Protein backbone atom coordinates (compact mmCIF):
# COMPACT_ATOMS: atom_id res chain seq x y z
CA MET A 1 -1.00 -37.33 -7.29
CA PRO A 2 -4.77 -36.69 -7.74
CA ARG A 3 -5.52 -34.23 -10.51
CA ARG A 4 -7.35 -31.96 -8.10
CA SER A 5 -3.99 -31.23 -6.44
CA HIS A 6 -2.64 -29.83 -9.71
CA PRO A 7 -5.46 -27.65 -11.05
CA ILE A 8 -3.28 -25.02 -12.75
CA HIS A 9 -2.91 -25.45 -16.52
CA PHE A 10 0.28 -24.41 -18.34
CA LEU A 11 0.72 -22.18 -21.35
CA HIS A 12 4.29 -21.84 -22.68
CA ASN A 13 5.33 -18.90 -24.88
CA PRO A 14 1.95 -18.34 -26.56
CA PRO A 15 2.38 -16.73 -30.02
CA PRO A 16 1.18 -13.11 -29.79
CA GLU A 17 -1.03 -13.54 -32.85
CA SER A 18 -2.86 -16.42 -31.13
CA LEU A 19 -4.12 -14.15 -28.34
CA PRO A 20 -7.38 -12.19 -28.67
CA GLU A 21 -7.50 -8.49 -27.97
CA ASP A 22 -10.63 -8.89 -25.84
CA VAL A 23 -9.78 -9.87 -22.26
CA GLY A 24 -13.03 -11.80 -21.79
CA GLU A 25 -12.27 -13.93 -24.84
CA PHE A 26 -8.73 -14.45 -23.53
CA LEU A 27 -10.11 -15.78 -20.24
CA ARG A 28 -12.54 -18.04 -22.06
CA GLN A 29 -9.60 -19.47 -24.01
CA LEU A 30 -7.73 -20.16 -20.75
CA GLY A 31 -10.80 -21.81 -19.24
CA GLY A 32 -9.35 -22.13 -15.74
CA PRO A 33 -6.36 -21.18 -13.56
CA THR A 34 -3.33 -20.95 -15.83
CA LEU A 35 0.42 -20.47 -15.43
CA ILE A 36 1.86 -18.68 -18.44
CA VAL A 37 5.61 -19.25 -18.82
CA ILE A 38 7.55 -16.82 -21.02
CA GLU A 39 11.21 -17.28 -21.87
CA GLY A 40 13.36 -14.23 -21.16
CA GLN A 41 16.66 -12.85 -22.38
CA ASN A 42 18.28 -14.43 -19.31
CA ASN A 43 16.57 -17.70 -18.39
CA ARG A 44 18.90 -18.40 -15.49
CA ARG A 45 16.77 -15.91 -13.55
CA CYS A 46 13.01 -15.87 -13.04
CA ARG A 47 10.31 -13.50 -11.81
CA ALA A 48 6.67 -14.20 -11.01
CA VAL A 49 3.39 -12.34 -11.31
CA ALA A 50 0.03 -13.41 -9.93
CA THR A 51 -3.20 -11.65 -10.76
CA LEU A 52 -6.95 -12.16 -10.81
CA LEU A 53 -6.84 -13.84 -7.40
CA HIS A 54 -10.13 -11.96 -7.08
CA GLY A 55 -12.41 -12.38 -10.07
CA ASN A 56 -13.59 -8.75 -10.11
CA GLU A 57 -10.12 -7.15 -10.30
CA PRO A 58 -9.14 -6.97 -13.98
CA SER A 59 -6.30 -4.43 -14.25
CA GLY A 60 -3.53 -7.01 -13.84
CA VAL A 61 -4.81 -9.45 -16.44
CA ARG A 62 -5.49 -6.62 -18.89
CA ALA A 63 -1.89 -5.41 -18.52
CA ILE A 64 -0.53 -8.93 -18.97
CA LEU A 65 -2.61 -9.55 -22.08
CA ARG A 66 -1.45 -6.26 -23.65
CA TRP A 67 2.17 -7.21 -23.00
CA LEU A 68 1.75 -10.78 -24.29
CA ARG A 69 0.20 -9.48 -27.52
CA SER A 70 3.19 -7.15 -28.01
CA GLY A 71 5.60 -10.08 -28.27
CA GLU A 72 8.25 -8.20 -26.26
CA ARG A 73 10.68 -10.52 -24.51
CA PRO A 74 11.22 -9.86 -20.78
CA ALA A 75 14.63 -9.41 -19.18
CA VAL A 76 14.35 -12.77 -17.38
CA LYS A 77 12.01 -15.76 -17.47
CA LEU A 78 8.51 -14.89 -16.28
CA ILE A 79 5.89 -17.12 -14.74
CA CYS A 80 2.45 -15.56 -14.57
CA LEU A 81 -0.51 -17.00 -12.70
CA ILE A 82 -3.97 -16.01 -13.95
CA ALA A 83 -5.84 -17.43 -10.98
CA SER A 84 -9.61 -17.03 -10.63
CA VAL A 85 -10.52 -17.40 -14.30
CA ARG A 86 -13.79 -19.20 -13.63
CA THR A 87 -14.77 -16.60 -11.03
CA ALA A 88 -14.10 -13.76 -13.48
CA LEU A 89 -16.30 -15.50 -16.06
CA HIS A 90 -19.06 -16.44 -13.62
CA GLU A 91 -22.41 -15.06 -14.86
CA VAL A 92 -21.18 -11.52 -15.65
CA LEU A 93 -17.54 -10.76 -16.55
CA PHE A 94 -15.52 -9.41 -13.61
CA CYS A 95 -18.57 -9.30 -11.32
CA TYR A 96 -17.64 -11.65 -8.45
CA ARG A 97 -14.74 -11.45 -6.03
CA GLN A 98 -15.14 -15.20 -5.46
CA ILE A 99 -17.76 -17.67 -6.63
CA PRO A 100 -20.62 -17.61 -4.09
CA GLY A 101 -20.06 -20.30 -1.48
CA GLN A 102 -16.33 -20.57 -2.13
CA ARG A 103 -13.47 -19.13 -0.12
CA ASP A 104 -11.62 -15.95 -1.04
CA MET A 105 -8.61 -17.16 -3.06
CA ASN A 106 -6.33 -14.67 -1.32
CA ARG A 107 -7.09 -16.27 2.04
CA CYS A 108 -6.03 -19.76 0.88
CA PHE A 109 -2.22 -19.64 0.99
CA LYS A 110 -2.13 -21.33 4.37
CA PRO A 111 -3.74 -24.65 5.37
CA PRO A 112 -6.24 -26.12 4.88
CA PHE A 113 -5.93 -26.65 1.12
CA ASN A 114 -8.94 -28.97 0.89
CA ASP A 115 -11.24 -27.06 -1.51
CA PRO A 116 -10.90 -25.72 -5.08
CA PRO A 117 -9.33 -22.34 -4.14
CA GLY A 118 -7.04 -24.14 -1.70
CA HIS A 119 -5.94 -26.59 -4.41
CA VAL A 120 -4.94 -23.67 -6.67
CA ALA A 121 -3.07 -21.91 -3.85
CA SER A 122 -1.23 -25.09 -2.86
CA HIS A 123 -0.27 -25.83 -6.46
CA PHE A 124 1.04 -22.28 -6.97
CA LYS A 125 3.16 -22.61 -3.83
CA GLU A 126 4.68 -25.76 -5.35
CA LEU A 127 5.37 -23.91 -8.59
CA LEU A 128 7.06 -21.04 -6.75
CA ALA A 129 9.30 -23.61 -5.01
CA HIS A 130 10.09 -25.19 -8.38
CA TYR A 131 10.84 -22.03 -10.40
CA GLN A 132 12.44 -20.08 -7.53
CA PRO A 133 11.58 -16.58 -8.79
CA GLU A 134 13.65 -13.71 -7.41
CA ALA A 135 10.45 -11.70 -6.73
CA VAL A 136 6.68 -12.10 -6.87
CA LEU A 137 4.08 -9.43 -7.70
CA ASP A 138 0.43 -9.91 -6.75
CA ILE A 139 -1.59 -7.36 -8.74
CA HIS A 140 -5.04 -6.33 -7.49
CA ASN A 141 -7.67 -3.64 -7.76
CA THR A 142 -9.15 -2.03 -4.68
CA SER A 143 -12.81 -2.72 -3.92
CA GLY A 144 -13.59 1.00 -4.06
CA MET A 145 -12.26 4.13 -5.76
CA SER A 146 -8.71 4.68 -4.52
CA PRO A 147 -5.25 5.79 -5.49
CA ALA A 148 -2.71 3.01 -5.98
CA PHE A 149 -0.66 1.62 -3.09
CA GLY A 150 1.42 -1.41 -2.15
CA VAL A 151 1.10 -3.74 0.82
CA VAL A 152 3.94 -5.74 2.39
CA THR A 153 4.30 -7.93 5.46
CA TYR A 154 7.53 -6.41 6.71
CA GLU A 155 9.89 -3.58 5.88
CA SER A 156 12.83 -4.25 3.58
CA ALA A 157 14.71 -2.50 0.80
CA ALA A 158 13.52 -5.13 -1.71
CA HIS A 159 9.86 -4.63 -0.75
CA GLU A 160 10.21 -0.87 -1.08
CA ALA A 161 11.92 -1.21 -4.47
CA LEU A 162 9.19 -3.49 -5.83
CA VAL A 163 6.35 -1.27 -4.59
CA SER A 164 8.04 1.82 -6.03
CA LEU A 165 7.76 0.32 -9.54
CA PHE A 166 4.04 1.12 -9.25
CA THR A 167 3.40 3.66 -6.51
CA ARG A 168 4.90 5.77 -3.71
CA ARG A 169 2.41 4.57 -1.06
CA MET A 170 3.17 1.51 1.05
CA ILE A 171 1.32 -0.19 3.90
CA VAL A 172 3.17 -2.53 6.25
CA THR A 173 0.67 -5.00 7.69
CA GLU A 174 1.06 -7.52 10.48
CA TYR A 175 -2.20 -9.30 9.61
CA ARG A 176 -1.87 -12.96 8.70
CA LEU A 177 -5.01 -13.95 6.81
CA GLY A 178 -3.63 -16.50 4.35
CA SER A 179 -2.75 -14.06 1.56
CA LEU A 180 -0.11 -14.67 -1.09
CA MET A 181 2.13 -11.86 0.20
CA GLU A 182 2.50 -13.72 3.51
CA LEU A 183 4.87 -16.13 1.69
CA SER A 184 7.37 -13.29 1.39
CA CYS A 185 10.93 -13.82 2.59
CA ASP A 186 14.29 -12.19 1.93
CA GLN A 187 15.12 -14.82 -0.72
CA GLN A 188 11.75 -14.37 -2.51
CA PRO A 189 10.06 -11.04 -1.68
CA VAL A 190 6.33 -10.87 -2.42
CA VAL A 191 4.38 -7.62 -2.61
CA THR A 192 0.72 -6.84 -3.18
CA ILE A 193 0.03 -3.99 -5.59
CA GLU A 194 -3.38 -2.33 -5.36
CA CYS A 195 -3.70 -0.40 -8.63
CA GLY A 196 -6.86 1.50 -7.71
CA GLY A 197 -10.52 0.77 -8.36
CA ALA A 198 -11.54 -1.68 -11.09
CA ASN A 199 -13.54 1.05 -12.86
CA GLN A 200 -10.77 3.64 -12.78
CA PRO A 201 -8.97 3.93 -16.17
CA GLU A 202 -5.82 5.08 -14.40
CA ALA A 203 -5.70 1.74 -12.55
CA ASP A 204 -5.16 -0.08 -15.86
CA LEU A 205 -2.42 2.40 -16.76
CA ILE A 206 -0.67 1.97 -13.41
CA ALA A 207 -0.76 -1.81 -13.81
CA GLU A 208 0.60 -1.63 -17.36
CA GLN A 209 3.40 0.85 -16.64
CA GLY A 210 4.49 -0.88 -13.43
CA LEU A 211 4.48 -4.28 -15.13
CA GLN A 212 6.71 -2.88 -17.90
CA ARG A 213 9.25 -1.74 -15.31
CA TYR A 214 9.12 -5.12 -13.61
CA LEU A 215 9.54 -7.07 -16.86
CA PHE A 216 12.25 -5.11 -18.58
CA SER A 217 14.48 -3.73 -15.79
CA ASP A 218 17.59 -5.74 -15.05
CA ASP A 219 17.57 -4.95 -11.31
CA ILE A 220 14.19 -4.59 -9.61
CA LEU A 221 15.26 -5.17 -6.01
CA GLN A 222 17.30 -2.00 -5.49
CA GLY A 223 15.36 1.23 -5.23
CA LYS A 224 16.62 4.15 -7.27
CA PRO A 225 17.87 7.16 -5.26
CA GLY A 226 15.42 9.93 -4.75
CA PRO A 227 11.81 8.69 -4.65
CA VAL A 228 10.04 9.15 -1.32
CA LEU A 229 7.76 6.38 -0.08
CA ASP A 230 4.71 7.30 1.96
CA LEU A 231 4.83 4.55 4.59
CA TYR A 232 2.12 3.47 7.02
CA ARG A 233 2.27 0.87 9.78
CA GLN A 234 -0.02 -0.71 12.38
CA ALA A 235 -3.19 -0.87 10.29
CA VAL A 236 -6.47 -1.98 11.87
CA ARG A 237 -9.47 -3.68 10.22
CA PHE A 238 -13.06 -2.43 10.60
CA GLU A 239 -15.07 -5.69 10.60
CA LEU A 240 -18.84 -6.09 10.82
CA GLN A 241 -20.26 -8.57 13.29
CA PRO A 242 -22.27 -11.49 11.81
CA GLY A 243 -25.79 -10.38 10.99
CA CYS A 244 -24.92 -6.68 10.90
CA ARG A 245 -27.14 -4.86 8.41
CA ILE A 246 -25.28 -2.16 6.47
CA ALA A 247 -26.48 0.44 3.97
CA TYR A 248 -24.90 3.33 2.08
CA ALA A 249 -26.79 6.63 1.94
CA ASP A 250 -26.48 10.36 2.60
CA GLN A 251 -28.65 10.09 5.72
CA ARG A 252 -29.44 7.48 8.36
CA ILE A 253 -31.53 4.57 7.03
CA PRO A 254 -34.06 3.26 9.59
CA GLY A 255 -33.90 -0.45 10.31
CA VAL A 256 -30.21 -1.00 9.54
CA ASP A 257 -27.35 -1.25 12.03
CA LEU A 258 -24.86 0.91 10.17
CA THR A 259 -25.41 3.53 7.47
CA ILE A 260 -22.19 4.64 5.77
CA SER A 261 -21.97 7.90 3.84
CA LEU A 262 -22.42 7.47 0.09
CA ASP A 263 -19.23 9.42 -0.60
CA VAL A 264 -17.07 7.50 1.89
CA GLU A 265 -14.67 6.46 -0.89
CA LYS A 266 -13.38 10.03 -1.02
CA PHE A 267 -11.53 9.26 2.22
CA ASN A 268 -9.37 6.55 0.58
CA PHE A 269 -5.79 7.53 1.35
CA GLY A 270 -6.85 10.92 2.55
CA VAL A 271 -6.05 12.11 6.06
CA ILE A 272 -9.25 12.74 7.99
CA PRO A 273 -9.20 14.81 11.18
CA ALA A 274 -10.66 13.66 14.47
CA LEU A 275 -14.46 13.91 14.67
CA THR A 276 -15.03 13.34 10.96
CA ARG A 277 -18.42 11.71 10.44
CA LEU A 278 -18.37 8.51 8.40
CA GLY A 279 -21.98 7.48 8.88
CA TRP A 280 -24.79 6.75 11.31
CA LEU A 281 -25.42 4.02 13.88
CA GLY A 282 -28.59 2.02 14.45
CA PRO A 283 -30.15 1.21 17.84
CA ARG A 284 -27.42 -1.33 18.67
CA GLY A 285 -24.72 1.31 18.38
CA VAL A 286 -21.08 0.24 18.03
CA SER A 287 -21.82 -3.35 19.14
CA THR A 288 -22.44 -4.32 15.48
CA PHE A 289 -18.79 -4.00 14.47
CA GLN A 290 -15.27 -4.30 15.82
CA VAL A 291 -11.94 -2.69 14.97
CA LEU A 292 -9.26 -5.35 15.18
CA SER A 293 -5.52 -4.95 15.51
CA ALA A 294 -3.19 -7.54 14.00
CA LYS A 295 -3.00 -9.14 17.47
CA GLY A 296 -6.77 -9.67 17.46
CA GLU A 297 -7.55 -6.97 20.02
CA ASN A 298 -10.70 -4.87 19.60
CA VAL A 299 -9.28 -1.34 19.64
CA LEU A 300 -12.45 0.40 18.47
CA PRO A 301 -12.43 3.31 20.99
CA ARG A 302 -8.97 4.42 19.83
CA TYR A 303 -10.14 4.85 16.23
CA PHE A 304 -13.91 5.46 16.12
CA LEU A 305 -16.60 6.76 18.45
CA SER A 306 -20.35 7.25 18.68
CA LYS A 307 -21.71 10.76 19.01
CA SER A 308 -25.40 11.69 18.63
CA ASN A 309 -25.99 8.39 16.77
CA GLY A 310 -23.22 9.23 14.32
CA LEU A 311 -20.03 7.25 13.62
CA TYR A 312 -16.99 9.52 13.92
CA SER A 313 -13.20 9.20 13.76
CA ALA A 314 -11.68 9.34 17.25
CA GLN A 315 -8.33 10.70 16.07
CA GLN A 316 -6.60 11.82 12.88
CA LEU A 317 -6.62 8.79 10.58
CA LYS A 318 -5.57 7.56 7.17
CA LEU A 319 -8.23 5.28 5.68
CA PHE A 320 -7.67 2.82 2.85
CA MET A 321 -9.40 -0.12 1.15
CA VAL A 322 -12.73 1.59 1.93
CA THR A 323 -15.46 -0.33 0.11
CA THR A 324 -18.99 0.61 -0.88
CA ASN A 325 -19.76 -3.01 -1.75
CA PRO A 326 -21.89 -4.37 1.13
CA ALA A 327 -21.03 -7.99 0.28
CA ILE A 328 -17.30 -7.28 0.66
CA ALA A 329 -17.90 -5.18 3.79
CA GLN A 330 -19.73 -8.12 5.38
CA SER A 331 -17.50 -10.98 4.17
CA ASP A 332 -14.15 -9.23 4.61
CA CYS A 333 -14.04 -5.73 6.07
CA LEU A 334 -15.41 -2.23 5.53
CA LEU A 335 -12.03 -0.49 5.62
CA TYR A 336 -8.53 -0.41 7.04
CA ALA A 337 -7.24 2.51 9.06
CA CYS A 338 -3.89 3.77 10.33
CA ALA A 339 -3.30 6.44 12.91
CA GLU A 340 -1.55 9.41 11.33
CA THR A 341 1.10 9.00 14.05
CA GLU A 342 2.11 5.74 12.31
CA HIS A 343 2.93 7.65 9.10
CA GLU A 344 6.53 8.05 7.97
CA GLN A 345 8.25 9.06 4.76
CA HIS A 346 11.21 6.97 3.54
CA GLN A 347 13.83 8.36 1.17
CA HIS A 348 15.65 5.82 -1.02
CA ARG A 349 19.41 6.14 -0.71
């Protein structure tokens, strides 16, 4: 097969002393997307981790490097994909989500696979089919300041158990965007772990501690009795229309279509009451964005409204993945939201 179809390099059982302490130097040694394979105490079983799908989300790769340098042997064989190495190294370390002009790697796990990120995604799918891991973690950072949470594509005991290794907050999403977690099935559950913002020290700690539980526990697919999961369903995406001009400030900025409050990140995973102001609208009003359900319906009036040129919540909401990065707001979305009526608490039994 053409080499471009198999872009992931392999690194088997690297000696701990061969690995640098500095994560940037580690990535420079890897040079490109790499699958690290580590023998476990029981090699008849396998688990998988993917991280750095986005080049500006370092907590996962930092946790993996710290573990690799410890030399500790995992309970079962581990395969670990360090994905967007070149993106992380592009110009400034951990600056870019994706290389400008390329697709978001975590939108490439469905066809077409005809570009560099697609080649990596397709190759990793082949490797998952080959190694048959019993579970897959996809470790991320949020694009803004946020507590940790997990995201899954459907409810199951295995998904809840995996998320609870890291956090007690779980989102069930029906969106199908081409993300890695959409490969999840009962035989191979996949969960996304959002450890918090890339600049939050606690995000690195959450990644490290959760990874330890994942690596060294014999049974990771059965939740332990007691912990309560904060569960949200039916999320919607706040997407900007093409050409929408957005700014972040503590007052309305003339000449832009949408000014979002500078402190909007404080709403991440907080419950906001109806008629909470999130920002200010330009002359075009709410026509510059849409609020999409998983079915593709624009449900904006149910969630947000315009009042005296301000943007307000239309009902009590839980917001998450709120970003203050205008590039991410424009290329992906500004935030996700769930109605508080979709909130439930699950007790493991």
